[in-house]
Amino acid sequence: MKNLEPYINIREEMEMIKEKQQDLVLSAGKITNEAGREAWRLQIVWEYLRDKLLLDNETPSKNEYLN
């Protein structure tokens, strides 16, 4: 599979997903069923991107933290 880096930046997408998850939690006050499902979907995509990043041998440097 060819490198998709020119089209998307995986790390930036992962950061945007985490920000969206935080926004869902903060805006809801408490997690509703709908917000919970959306957070769950975002987490699945984040984990897929993390695995893709690690499989592409783009392991994080010692100063970098993937969360």
N, C-alpha and C. Protein backbone atom coordinates (compact mmCIF):
# COMPACT_ATOMS: atom_id res chain seq x y z
N MET A 1 0.85 -1.18 0.00
CA MET A 1 0.00 0.00 0.00
C MET A 1 0.89 1.24 0.00
N LYS A 2 0.55 2.17 -0.85
CA LYS A 2 1.38 3.36 -0.93
C LYS A 2 1.19 4.26 0.28
N ASN A 3 2.18 5.07 0.53
CA ASN A 3 2.17 5.97 1.68
C ASN A 3 1.14 7.09 1.44
N LEU A 4 0.23 7.27 2.38
CA LEU A 4 -0.81 8.29 2.26
C LEU A 4 -0.43 9.61 2.91
N GLU A 5 0.81 9.73 3.36
CA GLU A 5 1.25 10.92 4.08
C GLU A 5 0.98 12.22 3.32
N PRO A 6 1.15 12.25 1.97
CA PRO A 6 0.85 13.51 1.27
C PRO A 6 -0.61 13.93 1.41
N TYR A 7 -1.49 13.01 1.72
CA TYR A 7 -2.91 13.31 1.78
C TYR A 7 -3.40 13.62 3.19
N ILE A 8 -2.95 12.85 4.17
CA ILE A 8 -3.34 13.12 5.55
C ILE A 8 -2.12 12.98 6.45
N ASN A 9 -2.14 13.70 7.53
CA ASN A 9 -1.11 13.55 8.55
C ASN A 9 -1.74 12.75 9.68
N ILE A 10 -1.28 11.53 9.87
CA ILE A 10 -1.90 10.63 10.84
C ILE A 10 -1.85 11.21 12.24
N ARG A 11 -0.73 11.79 12.61
CA ARG A 11 -0.60 12.35 13.95
C ARG A 11 -1.57 13.51 14.18
N GLU A 12 -1.74 14.35 13.18
CA GLU A 12 -2.69 15.46 13.30
C GLU A 12 -4.12 14.94 13.44
N GLU A 13 -4.45 13.91 12.66
CA GLU A 13 -5.78 13.32 12.76
C GLU A 13 -6.01 12.74 14.15
N MET A 14 -5.00 12.09 14.72
CA MET A 14 -5.12 11.51 16.05
C MET A 14 -5.35 12.60 17.09
N GLU A 15 -4.65 13.72 16.95
CA GLU A 15 -4.83 14.84 17.88
C GLU A 15 -6.24 15.41 17.76
N MET A 16 -6.73 15.55 16.53
CA MET A 16 -8.08 16.08 16.34
C MET A 16 -9.14 15.15 16.93
N ILE A 17 -8.91 13.85 16.83
CA ILE A 17 -9.85 12.88 17.41
C ILE A 17 -9.89 13.03 18.92
N LYS A 18 -8.73 13.14 19.55
CA LYS A 18 -8.69 13.30 21.01
C LYS A 18 -9.36 14.60 21.44
N GLU A 19 -9.15 15.67 20.68
CA GLU A 19 -9.81 16.94 20.99
C GLU A 19 -11.33 16.81 20.88
N LYS A 20 -11.79 16.12 19.85
CA LYS A 20 -13.23 15.92 19.66
C LYS A 20 -13.81 15.10 20.81
N GLN A 21 -13.08 14.07 21.26
CA GLN A 21 -13.55 13.27 22.39
C GLN A 21 -13.66 14.13 23.65
N GLN A 22 -12.67 14.98 23.88
CA GLN A 22 -12.71 15.85 25.05
C GLN A 22 -13.88 16.83 24.96
N ASP A 23 -14.11 17.37 23.78
CA ASP A 23 -15.25 18.27 23.58
C ASP A 23 -16.57 17.58 23.87
N LEU A 24 -16.70 16.32 23.44
CA LEU A 24 -17.93 15.56 23.70
C LEU A 24 -18.17 15.42 25.20
N VAL A 25 -17.13 15.08 25.93
CA VAL A 25 -17.27 14.87 27.37
C VAL A 25 -17.59 16.18 28.07
N LEU A 26 -16.89 17.25 27.71
CA LEU A 26 -17.10 18.53 28.38
C LEU A 26 -18.45 19.16 28.04
N SER A 27 -18.89 19.01 26.80
CA SER A 27 -20.14 19.64 26.39
C SER A 27 -21.36 18.90 26.94
N ALA A 28 -21.24 17.62 27.13
CA ALA A 28 -22.38 16.84 27.59
C ALA A 28 -22.60 16.96 29.10
N GLY A 29 -21.55 17.26 29.84
CA GLY A 29 -21.68 17.28 31.29
C GLY A 29 -21.67 15.86 31.82
N LYS A 30 -22.61 15.08 31.36
CA LYS A 30 -22.57 13.64 31.61
C LYS A 30 -22.71 12.96 30.25
N ILE A 31 -22.19 11.77 30.16
CA ILE A 31 -22.19 11.07 28.87
C ILE A 31 -23.60 10.52 28.58
N THR A 32 -24.17 10.98 27.48
CA THR A 32 -25.44 10.44 27.01
C THR A 32 -25.14 9.24 26.12
N ASN A 33 -26.17 8.49 25.77
CA ASN A 33 -25.98 7.34 24.89
C ASN A 33 -25.37 7.76 23.56
N GLU A 34 -25.88 8.85 23.01
CA GLU A 34 -25.39 9.32 21.71
C GLU A 34 -23.93 9.78 21.81
N ALA A 35 -23.60 10.55 22.83
CA ALA A 35 -22.23 11.02 23.01
C ALA A 35 -21.30 9.85 23.30
N GLY A 36 -21.78 8.87 24.04
CA GLY A 36 -20.98 7.68 24.33
C GLY A 36 -20.66 6.90 23.08
N ARG A 37 -21.65 6.75 22.21
CA ARG A 37 -21.42 6.04 20.94
C ARG A 37 -20.43 6.79 20.07
N GLU A 38 -20.57 8.10 20.01
CA GLU A 38 -19.65 8.91 19.20
C GLU A 38 -18.24 8.82 19.74
N ALA A 39 -18.07 8.90 21.06
CA ALA A 39 -16.74 8.77 21.67
C ALA A 39 -16.16 7.39 21.39
N TRP A 40 -16.99 6.37 21.44
CA TRP A 40 -16.56 5.00 21.16
C TRP A 40 -16.09 4.87 19.72
N ARG A 41 -16.85 5.45 18.77
CA ARG A 41 -16.45 5.42 17.35
C ARG A 41 -15.13 6.14 17.15
N LEU A 42 -14.98 7.30 17.78
CA LEU A 42 -13.73 8.05 17.65
C LEU A 42 -12.56 7.27 18.21
N GLN A 43 -12.78 6.56 19.32
CA GLN A 43 -11.71 5.76 19.91
C GLN A 43 -11.28 4.64 18.98
N ILE A 44 -12.23 4.00 18.30
CA ILE A 44 -11.89 2.94 17.36
C ILE A 44 -11.04 3.49 16.22
N VAL A 45 -11.42 4.64 15.68
CA VAL A 45 -10.65 5.25 14.60
C VAL A 45 -9.26 5.63 15.11
N TRP A 46 -9.18 6.19 16.32
CA TRP A 46 -7.88 6.58 16.89
C TRP A 46 -6.97 5.36 17.03
N GLU A 47 -7.51 4.26 17.52
CA GLU A 47 -6.72 3.04 17.69
C GLU A 47 -6.27 2.49 16.34
N TYR A 48 -7.13 2.57 15.33
CA TYR A 48 -6.75 2.14 13.99
C TYR A 48 -5.58 2.98 13.47
N LEU A 49 -5.68 4.30 13.62
CA LEU A 49 -4.61 5.17 13.16
C LEU A 49 -3.31 4.92 13.93
N ARG A 50 -3.41 4.67 15.24
CA ARG A 50 -2.23 4.37 16.04
C ARG A 50 -1.56 3.10 15.54
N ASP A 51 -2.35 2.06 15.28
CA ASP A 51 -1.80 0.81 14.78
C ASP A 51 -1.18 1.00 13.40
N LYS A 52 -1.83 1.77 12.55
CA LYS A 52 -1.31 2.07 11.21
C LYS A 52 0.02 2.81 11.32
N LEU A 53 0.08 3.76 12.21
CA LEU A 53 1.30 4.53 12.41
C LEU A 53 2.43 3.63 12.87
N LEU A 54 2.16 2.75 13.82
CA LEU A 54 3.18 1.86 14.34
C LEU A 54 3.59 0.80 13.32
N LEU A 55 2.65 0.34 12.50
CA LEU A 55 2.97 -0.64 11.46
C LEU A 55 3.82 -0.04 10.36
N ASP A 56 3.67 1.24 10.13
CA ASP A 56 4.46 1.92 9.10
C ASP A 56 5.85 2.27 9.60
N ASN A 57 6.23 1.70 10.74
CA ASN A 57 7.55 1.93 11.33
C ASN A 57 7.82 3.38 11.66
N GLU A 58 6.78 4.13 11.91
CA GLU A 58 6.93 5.50 12.37
C GLU A 58 6.78 5.51 13.87
N THR A 59 7.62 4.77 14.55
CA THR A 59 7.52 4.70 16.00
C THR A 59 7.82 6.06 16.59
N PRO A 60 7.16 6.40 17.66
CA PRO A 60 7.39 7.72 18.27
C PRO A 60 8.78 7.83 18.85
N SER A 61 9.30 9.03 18.82
CA SER A 61 10.61 9.25 19.43
C SER A 61 10.47 9.20 20.94
N LYS A 62 11.58 9.21 21.64
CA LYS A 62 11.54 9.09 23.10
C LYS A 62 10.80 10.26 23.74
N ASN A 63 10.79 11.41 23.10
CA ASN A 63 10.14 12.60 23.67
C ASN A 63 8.67 12.70 23.28
N GLU A 64 8.21 11.77 22.45
CA GLU A 64 6.85 11.84 21.94
C GLU A 64 5.95 10.88 22.70
N TYR A 65 4.71 11.28 22.89
CA TYR A 65 3.76 10.46 23.64
C TYR A 65 2.51 10.27 22.80
N LEU A 66 2.16 9.03 22.55
CA LEU A 66 0.95 8.74 21.79
C LEU A 66 -0.18 8.42 22.74
N ASN A 67 -1.12 9.33 22.87
CA ASN A 67 -2.30 9.05 23.69
C ASN A 67 -3.50 9.60 23.00
